[in-house]
Amino acid sequence: MSQAFFTPGAEVITPRGRGAVIDVRATPSGKFVFGVEDVTGEVSYFTEKALRLAQS
């Protein structure tokens, strides 16, 4: 497990660009996916490995 914690409201960088975490869900396999809303309002879901915390 990584040292980063992605909680709702956290600014992150995804493979699609920058966004904010708005949702955290558990999958049936026990992993977590994070819903990230980009500047256009589109929400995409990513695993922890696809996200990095954005630097202010």
Protein backbone atom coordinates (compact mmCIF):
# COMPACT_ATOMS: atom_id res chain seq x y z
CA MET A 1 0.00 0.00 0.00
CA SER A 2 1.25 3.48 -0.80
CA GLN A 3 1.86 6.35 1.59
CA ALA A 4 -0.74 8.59 -0.11
CA PHE A 5 -4.28 8.83 1.14
CA PHE A 6 -6.88 9.96 -1.35
CA THR A 7 -9.86 11.38 0.50
CA PRO A 8 -12.80 13.31 -0.94
CA GLY A 9 -11.70 16.83 -1.82
CA ALA A 10 -8.06 15.91 -2.48
CA GLU A 11 -6.57 17.43 -5.64
CA VAL A 12 -5.00 14.69 -7.76
CA ILE A 13 -3.36 14.13 -11.12
CA THR A 14 -4.72 11.26 -13.22
CA PRO A 15 -3.72 9.85 -16.61
CA ARG A 16 -6.46 12.15 -18.02
CA GLY A 17 -5.34 15.32 -16.23
CA ARG A 18 -5.99 17.13 -12.99
CA GLY A 19 -9.12 16.75 -10.85
CA ALA A 20 -10.62 16.38 -7.39
CA VAL A 21 -11.57 13.17 -5.62
CA ILE A 22 -15.33 13.14 -5.05
CA ASP A 23 -16.05 9.46 -4.36
CA VAL A 24 -14.32 6.43 -2.85
CA ARG A 25 -15.77 2.94 -3.37
CA ALA A 26 -14.75 -0.60 -2.54
CA THR A 27 -14.88 -3.21 -5.28
CA PRO A 28 -16.05 -6.80 -4.66
CA SER A 29 -12.41 -7.88 -4.76
CA GLY A 30 -11.57 -5.60 -1.82
CA LYS A 31 -9.73 -2.89 -3.73
CA PHE A 32 -10.73 0.77 -3.70
CA VAL A 33 -11.54 2.95 -6.70
CA PHE A 34 -11.62 6.73 -6.57
CA GLY A 35 -14.08 8.90 -8.45
CA VAL A 36 -12.31 11.97 -9.80
CA GLU A 37 -14.14 14.97 -11.26
CA ASP A 38 -12.21 17.00 -13.84
CA VAL A 39 -12.69 20.69 -14.71
CA THR A 40 -15.41 19.87 -17.26
CA GLY A 41 -17.46 17.98 -14.63
CA GLU A 42 -16.76 14.52 -16.02
CA VAL A 43 -16.28 11.82 -13.37
CA SER A 44 -13.91 8.91 -14.01
CA TYR A 45 -12.90 6.12 -11.66
CA PHE A 46 -9.27 5.16 -11.04
CA THR A 47 -7.33 2.79 -8.82
CA GLU A 48 -4.78 4.11 -6.34
CA LYS A 49 -1.92 3.27 -8.70
CA ALA A 50 -3.26 5.66 -11.36
CA LEU A 51 -3.38 8.68 -9.03
CA ARG A 52 -0.82 11.13 -7.68
CA LEU A 53 -1.45 13.93 -5.21
CA ALA A 54 -1.29 17.32 -6.93
CA GLN A 55 1.18 19.80 -5.51
CA SER A 56 -0.30 23.14 -4.58
